[in-house]
Protein backbone atom coordinates (compact mmCIF):
# COMPACT_ATOMS: atom_id res chain seq x y z
CA MET A 1 72.32 86.42 90.43
CA ILE A 2 73.51 88.55 93.60
CA SER A 3 70.96 89.44 96.07
CA PRO A 4 70.63 92.96 96.06
CA LEU A 5 71.00 93.77 99.54
CA SER A 6 72.70 91.06 100.80
CA ALA A 7 75.95 92.87 99.02
CA VAL A 8 75.27 95.80 100.45
CA SER A 9 78.29 97.72 101.72
CA PRO A 10 77.55 101.41 101.18
CA LEU A 11 80.94 103.56 100.16
CA GLU A 12 80.56 107.06 102.67
CA VAL A 13 80.86 110.07 99.79
CA ASP A 14 80.32 112.96 102.13
CA SER A 15 81.22 112.63 105.89
CA ALA A 16 79.89 116.00 107.27
CA ARG A 17 76.71 114.34 106.24
CA ARG A 18 77.24 110.66 106.40
CA ASP A 19 75.91 110.44 102.43
CA ALA A 20 76.44 106.89 101.21
CA ALA A 21 76.35 105.52 98.03
CA ILE A 22 75.35 102.54 96.97
CA PRO A 23 77.51 100.56 94.79
CA ASP A 24 76.52 100.64 91.15
CA LEU A 25 76.24 96.93 90.67
CA ILE A 26 72.86 96.78 92.67
CA ARG A 27 71.36 100.30 91.87
CA ALA A 28 68.05 99.78 90.72
CA THR A 29 67.54 100.09 86.68
CA ASP A 30 63.77 99.69 86.04
CA LEU A 31 60.62 100.63 88.19
CA PRO A 32 60.00 96.58 89.01
CA GLN A 33 63.99 96.44 90.20
CA VAL A 34 63.63 99.87 92.56
CA PHE A 35 60.22 98.61 94.33
CA ARG A 36 62.00 95.39 94.87
CA TYR A 37 65.35 96.38 96.19
CA ALA A 38 63.10 99.03 98.31
CA ALA A 39 61.36 96.65 99.74
CA ARG A 40 64.17 94.64 100.58
CA LEU A 41 66.65 97.81 102.28
CA ILE A 42 63.11 98.40 104.44
CA VAL A 43 63.27 94.88 105.25
CA ARG A 44 66.67 95.30 106.08
CA ASN A 45 66.79 98.38 108.32
CA GLY A 46 62.86 99.23 109.07
CA HIS A 47 60.47 101.46 108.08
CA TYR A 48 60.69 104.60 109.26
CA GLN A 49 57.82 106.99 110.14
CA GLY A 50 58.71 110.90 110.52
CA ASP A 51 61.25 111.72 107.93
CA TYR A 52 63.29 110.28 105.72
CA MET A 53 65.57 108.80 108.42
CA PRO A 54 66.46 109.14 111.80
CA ASP A 55 68.56 112.17 112.60
CA PRO A 56 69.14 112.92 109.39
CA PHE A 57 71.52 115.75 110.44
CA ASP A 58 73.39 113.48 112.76
CA ARG A 59 72.59 115.06 115.58
CA ARG A 60 73.31 111.89 117.52
CA LEU A 61 74.16 108.91 115.48
CA THR A 62 77.23 108.35 113.04
CA SER A 63 75.97 105.40 110.77
CA LEU A 64 75.63 105.99 107.14
CA HIS A 65 72.13 107.05 106.00
CA VAL A 66 71.40 103.81 103.98
CA ASN A 67 71.96 101.52 107.13
CA ARG A 68 69.44 103.34 109.40
CA PRO A 69 65.43 102.47 109.06
CA LEU A 70 64.34 104.53 105.61
CA SER A 71 61.18 105.99 105.22
CA ILE A 72 59.79 104.51 101.85
CA VAL A 73 60.61 107.68 99.64
CA ALA A 74 64.58 107.32 101.09
CA ALA A 75 64.78 104.19 100.39
CA ILE A 76 63.08 104.38 97.03
CA ARG A 77 65.79 107.45 96.13
CA ALA A 78 68.80 105.58 97.86
CA VAL A 79 68.14 102.30 95.47
CA SER A 80 67.26 104.54 92.66
CA ASN A 81 70.94 106.88 92.76
CA GLY A 82 72.63 105.71 95.61
CA ASN A 83 71.68 108.71 98.26
CA PRO A 84 68.44 108.74 100.28
CA HIS A 85 68.46 112.84 99.54
CA VAL A 86 68.63 113.05 96.33
CA GLN A 87 65.86 112.50 93.87
CA SER A 88 66.49 111.51 90.16
CA PRO A 89 64.06 110.73 87.49
CA LEU A 90 63.77 107.31 88.44
CA SER A 91 62.83 107.93 92.11
CA GLU A 92 61.09 110.64 90.58
CA SER A 93 59.02 107.68 88.08
CA ALA A 94 58.79 105.55 91.16
CA VAL A 95 57.04 107.74 94.10
CA LYS A 96 54.37 108.58 91.13
CA VAL A 97 53.21 105.51 89.59
CA LEU A 98 53.58 104.30 94.20
CA ALA A 99 51.43 107.19 95.23
CA HIS A 100 48.94 106.62 92.80
CA ARG A 101 48.74 102.80 94.06
CA LEU A 102 47.90 104.15 97.67
CA THR A 103 44.97 106.01 98.93
CA VAL A 104 45.73 107.85 102.22
CA GLN A 105 42.18 108.18 104.33
CA GLY A 106 40.38 106.61 101.36
CA GLU A 107 41.77 109.51 99.05
CA PRO A 108 44.12 109.37 95.90
CA PRO A 109 46.68 111.72 95.46
CA PHE A 110 44.97 115.56 94.56
CA SER A 111 48.20 116.81 92.31
CA ASP A 112 50.85 115.04 90.31
CA GLN A 113 53.47 117.20 91.46
CA PRO A 114 56.56 115.36 92.22
CA LEU A 115 56.97 117.11 95.91
CA LEU A 116 53.04 116.65 96.56
CA LEU A 117 53.49 113.11 95.02
CA GLU A 118 56.00 112.50 97.38
CA CYS A 119 53.92 113.75 100.30
CA HIS A 120 50.96 111.17 99.77
CA VAL A 121 53.56 108.35 99.63
CA ALA A 122 55.05 109.54 103.15
CA GLU A 123 51.94 110.10 104.80
CA TRP A 124 50.88 106.49 103.10
CA GLY A 125 53.69 105.43 105.56
CA ASP A 126 53.31 107.44 108.62
CA VAL A 127 50.18 105.90 108.75
CA GLU A 128 50.10 104.75 113.00
CA GLY A 129 50.70 101.06 113.28
CA ARG A 130 51.99 100.90 109.44
CA THR A 131 54.55 97.67 110.01
CA VAL A 132 57.78 97.13 107.60
CA GLU A 133 55.59 93.77 106.40
CA SER A 134 52.79 95.99 104.61
CA VAL A 135 55.34 98.82 103.21
CA ALA A 136 57.37 95.83 101.62
CA ALA A 137 53.86 93.85 100.49
CA VAL A 138 52.62 97.12 98.55
CA LEU A 139 56.48 97.84 97.57
CA GLU A 140 56.20 93.90 96.10
CA ALA A 141 53.55 94.35 94.49
CA ALA A 142 54.07 97.57 92.91
CA ALA A 143 57.04 95.63 91.34
CA ASP A 144 54.92 93.16 89.87
CA ALA A 145 52.19 95.27 88.59
CA ASN A 146 54.96 96.98 87.08
CA GLU A 147 56.70 94.44 85.24
CA VAL A 148 53.46 92.88 83.65
CA SER A 149 52.82 96.24 82.36
CA ALA A 150 56.37 96.48 80.99
């Protein structure tokens, strides 16, 4: 089996925003894959706290967006549909599952609205001191749990 992220060579599709597509060969097709591939992408590029990625509007950086450190939500989107800026049914499902596995200041998400679930996951990722290792561990655990329940 091809290692999903060792084979990543993103193709630029929009030079103005430097969005990139991950080839279909390594895009996730189910929830366990989304979580595993997102974990690998974050391990490869780094975990970004604050927004989806550094310099999302390309004011300073020229690298492809999927080659920058990514937030958890951006990594999930990137492996779900090839673009860290675009939602898809698979990425929304993954964010929902992950949000219900995480607590922020001891609290679960307070709504199932997609944007609020995304904010909950992002807030968990933005906790001071959150490491790449802890993010990868949570994503791998979510993948394991979804394989068992599938």
